[in-house]
Amino acid sequence: MCVVSTSLPRRLLAELLGTALLVAVVVGSGIAAETLSPGDVGLQLLENSTATAFGLTVLILWFGPVSGAHFNPVVSLADWFLGRRTGAGLSLAEVGAYALAQVAGGVSGAVLANVMFEVDQGLSVKDRVSSGPLVAEVVATAGLVALVFALVRTGRGALAAPTVGAYIGAAYWFTSSTSFANPAVTVGRVFTDTFAGIAPGSAPAFVGMQLVGLLVGLGLTLALYPDAGDSADDVVIPHRP
């Protein structure tokens, strides 16, 4: 895979655009699914998850060589934490900049999807908080973090795009939360009152459980690959800051 040397502003642009398009895929395909398959929630979820899995794969391949294609503050935090001892990965200041770009992208992507499908702009009223979905967010996020670092540590970062896409697509179905697993995406989905939305009151609990999932994922990564931090510069796919 070609590795591109990029400045921080270019990496932030890639993270903003990538996260925006990811949320546009999630929200837009959810709106389309509701329109095409009214009354059939199972088919709606299949359509939504399939579009998300394919869309995420394409976006990682598109923006990965520029920024690593994190599109997720949890992944950026894990990259800093695991790489800090060896000087690899993001600095803490870069994590903050990545997170701001990712959240801005998430909100922009939801607004864009609303515009494309001529849906009124507004906040979601879909309450998603209960014990099952909160546990599911821990599981989904922990699995995502552990998967990403297992791939890069074993020299298979080039497979991250299809593998991460497949994981998220599967996690739509095996988790009761439909696998948000991403604080930036969670915040973005607050801004659409559609199939993929989440109420403002539910979002903080989801983000909190995603941070717990981050800790679990880091623990699993260090238990399986104690030197995983040496490969932090290759998360999610190889790139050169």
C-alpha atoms as a PDB file:
ATOM      1  CA  MET A   1       0.000   0.000   0.000  1.00  0.00           C
ATOM      2  CA  CYS A   2       1.234   3.482  -0.885  1.00  0.00           C
ATOM      3  CA  VAL A   3       2.016   5.530   2.222  1.00  0.00           C
ATOM      4  CA  VAL A   4       1.578   9.295   1.934  1.00  0.00           C
ATOM      5  CA  SER A   5       3.432  11.814   4.112  1.00  0.00           C
ATOM      6  CA  THR A   6       0.881  14.425   5.208  1.00  0.00           C
ATOM      7  CA  SER A   7       0.679  17.536   7.357  1.00  0.00           C
ATOM      8  CA  LEU A   8      -1.714  17.794  10.286  1.00  0.00           C
ATOM      9  CA  PRO A   9      -4.197  20.072   8.450  1.00  0.00           C
ATOM     10  CA  ARG A  10      -4.473  17.555   5.622  1.00  0.00           C
ATOM     11  CA  ARG A  11      -4.967  14.719   8.090  1.00  0.00           C
ATOM     12  CA  LEU A  12      -7.679  16.678   9.895  1.00  0.00           C
ATOM     13  CA  LEU A  13      -9.440  17.375   6.604  1.00  0.00           C
ATOM     14  CA  ALA A  14      -9.358  13.651   5.827  1.00  0.00           C
ATOM     15  CA  GLU A  15     -10.789  12.815   9.256  1.00  0.00           C
ATOM     16  CA  LEU A  16     -13.536  15.436   8.926  1.00  0.00           C
ATOM     17  CA  LEU A  17     -14.539  14.347   5.419  1.00  0.00           C
ATOM     18  CA  GLY A  18     -14.279  10.642   6.207  1.00  0.00           C
ATOM     19  CA  THR A  19     -16.410  10.881   9.344  1.00  0.00           C
ATOM     20  CA  ALA A  20     -18.931  13.135   7.599  1.00  0.00           C
ATOM     21  CA  LEU A  21     -19.337  10.685   4.734  1.00  0.00           C
ATOM     22  CA  LEU A  22     -19.539   7.742   7.135  1.00  0.00           C
ATOM     23  CA  VAL A  23     -22.425   9.350   9.028  1.00  0.00           C
ATOM     24  CA  ALA A  24     -24.047  10.366   5.730  1.00  0.00           C
ATOM     25  CA  VAL A  25     -23.907   6.703   4.672  1.00  0.00           C
ATOM     26  CA  VAL A  26     -25.355   5.498   7.984  1.00  0.00           C
ATOM     27  CA  VAL A  27     -28.134   8.089   8.153  1.00  0.00           C
ATOM     28  CA  GLY A  28     -28.864   8.249   4.423  1.00  0.00           C
ATOM     29  CA  SER A  29     -29.150   4.487   4.024  1.00  0.00           C
ATOM     30  CA  GLY A  30     -31.378   4.404   7.106  1.00  0.00           C
ATOM     31  CA  ILE A  31     -33.715   6.971   5.570  1.00  0.00           C
ATOM     32  CA  ALA A  32     -33.735   5.083   2.266  1.00  0.00           C
ATOM     33  CA  ALA A  33     -34.444   1.811   4.082  1.00  0.00           C
ATOM     34  CA  GLU A  34     -37.439   3.300   5.874  1.00  0.00           C
ATOM     35  CA  THR A  35     -38.777   4.567   2.529  1.00  0.00           C
ATOM     36  CA  LEU A  36     -38.144   1.409   0.523  1.00  0.00           C
ATOM     37  CA  SER A  37     -39.201  -1.127   3.160  1.00  0.00           C
ATOM     38  CA  PRO A  38     -41.899   0.473   5.311  1.00  0.00           C
ATOM     39  CA  GLY A  39     -43.065  -1.686   8.186  1.00  0.00           C
ATOM     40  CA  ASP A  40     -40.255  -4.245   7.865  1.00  0.00           C
ATOM     41  CA  VAL A  41     -37.657  -3.342  10.503  1.00  0.00           C
ATOM     42  CA  GLY A  42     -35.552  -6.425   9.820  1.00  0.00           C
ATOM     43  CA  LEU A  43     -35.182  -5.583   6.146  1.00  0.00           C
ATOM     44  CA  GLN A  44     -34.500  -1.945   7.022  1.00  0.00           C
ATOM     45  CA  LEU A  45     -31.657  -3.022   9.294  1.00  0.00           C
ATOM     46  CA  LEU A  46     -30.248  -5.319   6.602  1.00  0.00           C
ATOM     47  CA  GLU A  47     -30.227  -2.481   4.079  1.00  0.00           C
ATOM     48  CA  ASN A  48     -28.723  -0.049   6.581  1.00  0.00           C
ATOM     49  CA  SER A  49     -25.998  -2.446   7.772  1.00  0.00           C
ATOM     50  CA  THR A  50     -25.029  -3.521   4.248  1.00  0.00           C
ATOM     51  CA  ALA A  51     -24.615   0.071   3.069  1.00  0.00           C
ATOM     52  CA  THR A  52     -22.602   0.924   6.184  1.00  0.00           C
ATOM     53  CA  ALA A  53     -20.253  -2.055   5.817  1.00  0.00           C
ATOM     54  CA  PHE A  54     -19.525  -1.260   2.178  1.00  0.00           C
ATOM     55  CA  GLY A  55     -19.351   2.477   2.767  1.00  0.00           C
ATOM     56  CA  LEU A  56     -16.907   2.175   5.650  1.00  0.00           C
ATOM     57  CA  THR A  57     -14.664  -0.109   3.589  1.00  0.00           C
ATOM     58  CA  VAL A  58     -14.523   2.424   0.762  1.00  0.00           C
ATOM     59  CA  LEU A  59     -13.875   5.362   3.111  1.00  0.00           C
ATOM     60  CA  ILE A  60     -10.980   3.603   4.861  1.00  0.00           C
ATOM     61  CA  LEU A  61      -9.374   2.880   1.501  1.00  0.00           C
ATOM     62  CA  TRP A  62     -10.003   6.455   0.351  1.00  0.00           C
ATOM     63  CA  PHE A  63      -8.747   8.435   3.332  1.00  0.00           C
ATOM     64  CA  GLY A  64      -6.558   5.910   5.144  1.00  0.00           C
ATOM     65  CA  PRO A  65      -3.268   6.750   3.423  1.00  0.00           C
ATOM     66  CA  VAL A  66      -3.714  10.395   4.480  1.00  0.00           C
ATOM     67  CA  SER A  67      -4.827  10.192   8.128  1.00  0.00           C
ATOM     68  CA  GLY A  68      -5.016   6.496   9.000  1.00  0.00           C
ATOM     69  CA  ALA A  69      -8.835   6.617   8.643  1.00  0.00           C
ATOM     70  CA  HIS A  70      -9.620   6.645  12.347  1.00  0.00           C
ATOM     71  CA  PHE A  71     -13.025   8.397  11.957  1.00  0.00           C
ATOM     72  CA  ASN A  72     -13.477   7.649  15.660  1.00  0.00           C
ATOM     73  CA  PRO A  73     -12.161   9.400  18.817  1.00  0.00           C
ATOM     74  CA  VAL A  74     -11.923   6.026  20.569  1.00  0.00           C
ATOM     75  CA  VAL A  75      -9.504   4.709  17.952  1.00  0.00           C
ATOM     76  CA  SER A  76      -7.466   7.927  18.123  1.00  0.00           C
ATOM     77  CA  LEU A  77      -7.260   7.715  21.928  1.00  0.00           C
ATOM     78  CA  ALA A  78      -6.170   4.076  21.734  1.00  0.00           C
ATOM     79  CA  ASP A  79      -3.538   5.024  19.162  1.00  0.00           C
ATOM     80  CA  TRP A  80      -2.092   7.645  21.522  1.00  0.00           C
ATOM     81  CA  PHE A  81      -2.250   5.439  24.612  1.00  0.00           C
ATOM     82  CA  LEU A  82      -0.571   2.415  23.078  1.00  0.00           C
ATOM     83  CA  GLY A  83       2.026   4.387  21.152  1.00  0.00           C
ATOM     84  CA  ARG A  84       3.011   6.921  23.802  1.00  0.00           C
ATOM     85  CA  ARG A  85       5.857   4.873  25.334  1.00  0.00           C
ATOM     86  CA  THR A  86       7.633   4.379  22.019  1.00  0.00           C
ATOM     87  CA  GLY A  87       6.851   7.758  20.479  1.00  0.00           C
ATOM     88  CA  ALA A  88       4.633   6.159  17.834  1.00  0.00           C
ATOM     89  CA  GLY A  89       1.099   7.141  16.920  1.00  0.00           C
ATOM     90  CA  LEU A  90      -0.656  10.421  17.663  1.00  0.00           C
ATOM     91  CA  SER A  91       0.352  12.940  20.310  1.00  0.00           C
ATOM     92  CA  LEU A  92      -2.304  13.897  22.859  1.00  0.00           C
ATOM     93  CA  ALA A  93      -2.718  17.291  21.166  1.00  0.00           C
ATOM     94  CA  GLU A  94      -3.285  15.539  17.844  1.00  0.00           C
ATOM     95  CA  VAL A  95      -5.880  13.284  19.470  1.00  0.00           C
ATOM     96  CA  GLY A  96      -7.802  16.388  20.532  1.00  0.00           C
ATOM     97  CA  ALA A  97      -7.585  17.849  17.037  1.00  0.00           C
ATOM     98  CA  TYR A  98      -8.646  14.550  15.456  1.00  0.00           C
ATOM     99  CA  ALA A  99     -11.611  14.293  17.854  1.00  0.00           C
ATOM    100  CA  LEU A 100     -12.822  17.806  17.054  1.00  0.00           C
ATOM    101  CA  ALA A 101     -12.591  17.111  13.320  1.00  0.00           C
ATOM    102  CA  GLN A 102     -14.383  13.777  13.738  1.00  0.00           C
ATOM    103  CA  VAL A 103     -17.251  15.238  15.780  1.00  0.00           C
ATOM    104  CA  ALA A 104     -17.656  18.154  13.361  1.00  0.00           C
ATOM    105  CA  GLY A 105     -17.694  15.642  10.528  1.00  0.00           C
ATOM    106  CA  GLY A 106     -20.276  13.489  12.274  1.00  0.00           C
ATOM    107  CA  VAL A 107     -22.691  16.387  12.725  1.00  0.00           C
ATOM    108  CA  SER A 108     -22.098  17.608   9.155  1.00  0.00           C
ATOM    109  CA  GLY A 109     -22.775  14.142   7.759  1.00  0.00           C
ATOM    110  CA  ALA A 110     -26.146  13.874   9.514  1.00  0.00           C
ATOM    111  CA  VAL A 111     -27.169  17.330   8.315  1.00  0.00           C
ATOM    112  CA  LEU A 112     -26.072  16.440   4.773  1.00  0.00           C
ATOM    113  CA  ALA A 113     -28.149  13.241   4.783  1.00  0.00           C
ATOM    114  CA  ASN A 114     -31.190  15.184   5.990  1.00  0.00           C
ATOM    115  CA  VAL A 115     -30.718  17.652   3.126  1.00  0.00           C
ATOM    116  CA  MET A 116     -30.248  14.950   0.477  1.00  0.00           C
ATOM    117  CA  PHE A 117     -33.431  13.140   1.507  1.00  0.00           C
ATOM    118  CA  GLU A 118     -35.365  16.365   2.190  1.00  0.00           C
ATOM    119  CA  VAL A 119     -35.880  15.507   5.852  1.00  0.00           C
ATOM    120  CA  ASP A 120     -36.549  18.326   8.288  1.00  0.00           C
ATOM    121  CA  GLN A 121     -33.496  19.274  10.307  1.00  0.00           C
ATOM    122  CA  GLY A 122     -33.957  18.511  13.981  1.00  0.00           C
ATOM    123  CA  LEU A 123     -32.829  16.423  16.912  1.00  0.00           C
ATOM    124  CA  SER A 124     -33.727  12.767  17.240  1.00  0.00           C
ATOM    125  CA  VAL A 125     -36.400  11.655  19.687  1.00  0.00           C
ATOM    126  CA  LYS A 126     -35.334   7.993  19.608  1.00  0.00           C
ATOM    127  CA  ASP A 127     -34.491   6.919  23.166  1.00  0.00           C
ATOM    128  CA  ARG A 128     -32.011   4.036  23.044  1.00  0.00           C
ATOM    129  CA  VAL A 129     -30.897   3.771  26.672  1.00  0.00           C
ATOM    130  CA  SER A 130     -31.490   0.485  28.472  1.00  0.00           C
ATOM    131  CA  SER A 131     -29.152  -2.057  30.031  1.00  0.00           C
ATOM    132  CA  GLY A 132     -28.823  -4.287  26.968  1.00  0.00           C
ATOM    133  CA  PRO A 133     -27.772  -1.652  24.423  1.00  0.00           C
ATOM    134  CA  LEU A 134     -25.358  -0.086  26.917  1.00  0.00           C
ATOM    135  CA  VAL A 135     -23.598  -3.407  27.461  1.00  0.00           C
ATOM    136  CA  ALA A 136     -23.657  -3.897  23.696  1.00  0.00           C
ATOM    137  CA  GLU A 137     -21.762  -0.637  23.190  1.00  0.00           C
ATOM    138  CA  VAL A 138     -18.988  -1.883  25.483  1.00  0.00           C
ATOM    139  CA  VAL A 139     -18.773  -5.131  23.508  1.00  0.00           C
ATOM    140  CA  ALA A 140     -18.873  -3.445  20.086  1.00  0.00           C
ATOM    141  CA  THR A 141     -16.265  -0.826  20.955  1.00  0.00           C
ATOM    142  CA  ALA A 142     -13.915  -3.234  22.704  1.00  0.00           C
ATOM    143  CA  GLY A 143     -14.041  -5.583  19.735  1.00  0.00           C
ATOM    144  CA  LEU A 144     -13.334  -2.770  17.289  1.00  0.00           C
ATOM    145  CA  VAL A 145     -10.273  -1.528  19.197  1.00  0.00           C
ATOM    146  CA  ALA A 146      -8.865  -5.033  19.707  1.00  0.00           C
ATOM    147  CA  LEU A 147      -9.450  -5.914  16.043  1.00  0.00           C
ATOM    148  CA  VAL A 148      -7.739  -2.810  14.659  1.00  0.00           C
ATOM    149  CA  PHE A 149      -4.594  -3.257  16.746  1.00  0.00           C
ATOM    150  CA  ALA A 150      -4.444  -6.998  16.130  1.00  0.00           C
ATOM    151  CA  LEU A 151      -4.405  -6.309  12.392  1.00  0.00           C
ATOM    152  CA  VAL A 152      -1.660  -3.688  12.499  1.00  0.00           C
ATOM    153  CA  ARG A 153       0.472  -5.589  15.019  1.00  0.00           C
ATOM    154  CA  THR A 154       0.476  -8.692  12.843  1.00  0.00           C
ATOM    155  CA  GLY A 155       1.281  -6.803   9.652  1.00  0.00           C
ATOM    156  CA  ARG A 156      -2.189  -7.109   8.169  1.00  0.00           C
ATOM    157  CA  GLY A 157      -3.149  -3.431   8.224  1.00  0.00           C
ATOM    158  CA  ALA A 158      -3.833  -3.560   4.497  1.00  0.00           C
ATOM    159  CA  LEU A 159      -6.810  -5.793   5.318  1.00  0.00           C
ATOM    160  CA  ALA A 160      -8.285  -3.266   7.754  1.00  0.00           C
ATOM    161  CA  ALA A 161     -10.746  -1.764   5.265  1.00  0.00           C
ATOM    162  CA  PRO A 162     -12.731  -4.925   4.459  1.00  0.00           C
ATOM    163  CA  THR A 163     -12.219  -6.424   7.915  1.00  0.00           C
ATOM    164  CA  VAL A 164     -13.388  -3.402   9.889  1.00  0.00           C
ATOM    165  CA  GLY A 165     -16.260  -2.924   7.440  1.00  0.00           C
ATOM    166  CA  ALA A 166     -17.274  -6.558   7.917  1.00  0.00           C
ATOM    167  CA  TYR A 167     -17.007  -6.285  11.711  1.00  0.00           C
ATOM    168  CA  ILE A 168     -19.248  -3.220  11.895  1.00  0.00           C
ATOM    169  CA  GLY A 169     -21.710  -4.787   9.462  1.00  0.00           C
ATOM    170  CA  ALA A 170     -21.888  -7.931  11.597  1.00  0.00           C
ATOM    171  CA  ALA A 171     -22.091  -5.935  14.830  1.00  0.00           C
ATOM    172  CA  TYR A 172     -25.268  -4.255  13.588  1.00  0.00           C
ATOM    173  CA  TRP A 173     -26.821  -7.675  14.079  1.00  0.00           C
ATOM    174  CA  PHE A 174     -25.060  -9.291  17.033  1.00  0.00           C
ATOM    175  CA  THR A 175     -25.345  -6.240  19.322  1.00  0.00           C
ATOM    176  CA  SER A 176     -28.665  -4.892  20.562  1.00  0.00           C
ATOM    177  CA  SER A 177     -27.447  -1.300  20.128  1.00  0.00           C
ATOM    178  CA  THR A 178     -26.692  -1.866  16.406  1.00  0.00           C
ATOM    179  CA  SER A 179     -23.059  -1.012  17.176  1.00  0.00           C
ATOM    180  CA  PHE A 180     -22.519   2.730  17.258  1.00  0.00           C
ATOM    181  CA  ALA A 181     -19.035   2.102  18.778  1.00  0.00           C
ATOM    182  CA  ASN A 182     -17.980   5.672  17.980  1.00  0.00           C
ATOM    183  CA  PRO A 183     -18.527   8.903  19.974  1.00  0.00           C
ATOM    184  CA  ALA A 184     -18.323  11.117  16.868  1.00  0.00           C
ATOM    185  CA  VAL A 185     -20.914   9.038  15.020  1.00  0.00           C
ATOM    186  CA  THR A 186     -23.088   8.991  18.145  1.00  0.00           C
ATOM    187  CA  VAL A 187     -23.059  12.779  18.417  1.00  0.00           C
ATOM    188  CA  GLY A 188     -23.711  13.118  14.699  1.00  0.00           C
ATOM    189  CA  ARG A 189     -26.732  10.814  14.839  1.00  0.00           C
ATOM    190  CA  VAL A 190     -28.335  13.071  17.445  1.00  0.00           C
ATOM    191  CA  PHE A 191     -28.960  15.530  14.591  1.00  0.00           C
ATOM    192  CA  THR A 192     -31.363  13.397  12.573  1.00  0.00           C
ATOM    193  CA  ASP A 193     -34.842  12.335  13.629  1.00  0.00           C
ATOM    194  CA  THR A 194     -34.811   9.263  11.396  1.00  0.00           C
ATOM    195  CA  PHE A 195     -34.154   5.514  11.503  1.00  0.00           C
ATOM    196  CA  ALA A 196     -30.505   5.943  12.559  1.00  0.00           C
ATOM    197  CA  GLY A 197     -31.041   8.735  15.081  1.00  0.00           C
ATOM    198  CA  ILE A 198     -30.393   8.754  18.811  1.00  0.00           C
ATOM    199  CA  ALA A 199     -32.005  11.131  21.298  1.00  0.00           C
ATOM    200  CA  PRO A 200     -29.755  13.752  22.926  1.00  0.00           C
ATOM    201  CA  GLY A 201     -30.541  12.242  26.322  1.00  0.00           C
ATOM    202  CA  SER A 202     -29.299   8.814  25.216  1.00  0.00           C
ATOM    203  CA  ALA A 203     -26.044   9.946  23.620  1.00  0.00           C
ATOM    204  CA  PRO A 204     -24.003  10.633  26.814  1.00  0.00           C
ATOM    205  CA  ALA A 205     -24.663   7.136  28.154  1.00  0.00           C
ATOM    206  CA  PHE A 206     -23.663   5.593  24.822  1.00  0.00           C
ATOM    207  CA  VAL A 207     -20.445   7.633  24.728  1.00  0.00           C
ATOM    208  CA  GLY A 208     -19.678   6.651  28.321  1.00  0.00           C
ATOM    209  CA  MET A 209     -20.054   2.953  27.506  1.00  0.00           C
ATOM    210  CA  GLN A 210     -17.886   3.401  24.407  1.00  0.00           C
ATOM    211  CA  LEU A 211     -15.121   4.768  26.647  1.00  0.00           C
ATOM    212  CA  VAL A 212     -15.515   1.735  28.895  1.00  0.00           C
ATOM    213  CA  GLY A 213     -15.254  -0.395  25.760  1.00  0.00           C
ATOM    214  CA  LEU A 214     -12.048   1.463  24.885  1.00  0.00           C
ATOM    215  CA  LEU A 215     -10.519   0.400  28.210  1.00  0.00           C
ATOM    216  CA  VAL A 216     -11.625  -3.197  27.714  1.00  0.00           C
ATOM    217  CA  GLY A 217     -10.259  -3.194  24.162  1.00  0.00           C
ATOM    218  CA  LEU A 218      -6.925  -1.789  25.327  1.00  0.00           C
ATOM    219  CA  GLY A 219      -6.720  -4.470  27.997  1.00  0.00           C
ATOM    220  CA  LEU A 220      -7.391  -7.212  25.470  1.00  0.00           C
ATOM    221  CA  THR A 221      -4.854  -5.755  23.057  1.00  0.00           C
ATOM    222  CA  LEU A 222      -2.098  -5.562  25.659  1.00  0.00           C
ATOM    223  CA  ALA A 223      -2.853  -9.068  26.902  1.00  0.00           C
ATOM    224  CA  LEU A 224      -2.620 -10.523  23.401  1.00  0.00           C
ATOM    225  CA  TYR A 225       0.025  -8.214  21.910  1.00  0.00           C
ATOM    226  CA  PRO A 226       2.074  -6.455  24.622  1.00  0.00           C
ATOM    227  CA  ASP A 227       4.137  -4.597  22.014  1.00  0.00           C
ATOM    228  CA  ALA A 228       1.159  -3.412  19.958  1.00  0.00           C
ATOM    229  CA  GLY A 229       2.167   0.211  20.527  1.00  0.00           C
ATOM    230  CA  ASP A 230       5.155  -0.218  18.229  1.00  0.00           C
ATOM    231  CA  SER A 231       2.731  -0.314  15.301  1.00  0.00           C
ATOM    232  CA  ALA A 232       0.625   2.701  16.320  1.00  0.00           C
ATOM    233  CA  ASP A 233       1.701   4.708  13.263  1.00  0.00           C
ATOM    234  CA  ASP A 234      -0.109   2.178  11.065  1.00  0.00           C
ATOM    235  CA  VAL A 235      -3.587   2.600  12.641  1.00  0.00           C
ATOM    236  CA  VAL A 236      -6.076   2.046  11.079  1.00  0.00           C
ATOM    237  CA  ILE A 237      -4.056   1.477   7.910  1.00  0.00           C
ATOM    238  CA  PRO A 238      -0.440   2.456   7.128  1.00  0.00           C
ATOM    239  CA  HIS A 239       0.168   6.177   6.783  1.00  0.00           C
ATOM    240  CA  ARG A 240       3.013   8.551   7.546  1.00  0.00           C
ATOM    241  CA  PRO A 241       2.293  11.649   9.699  1.00  0.00           C
END
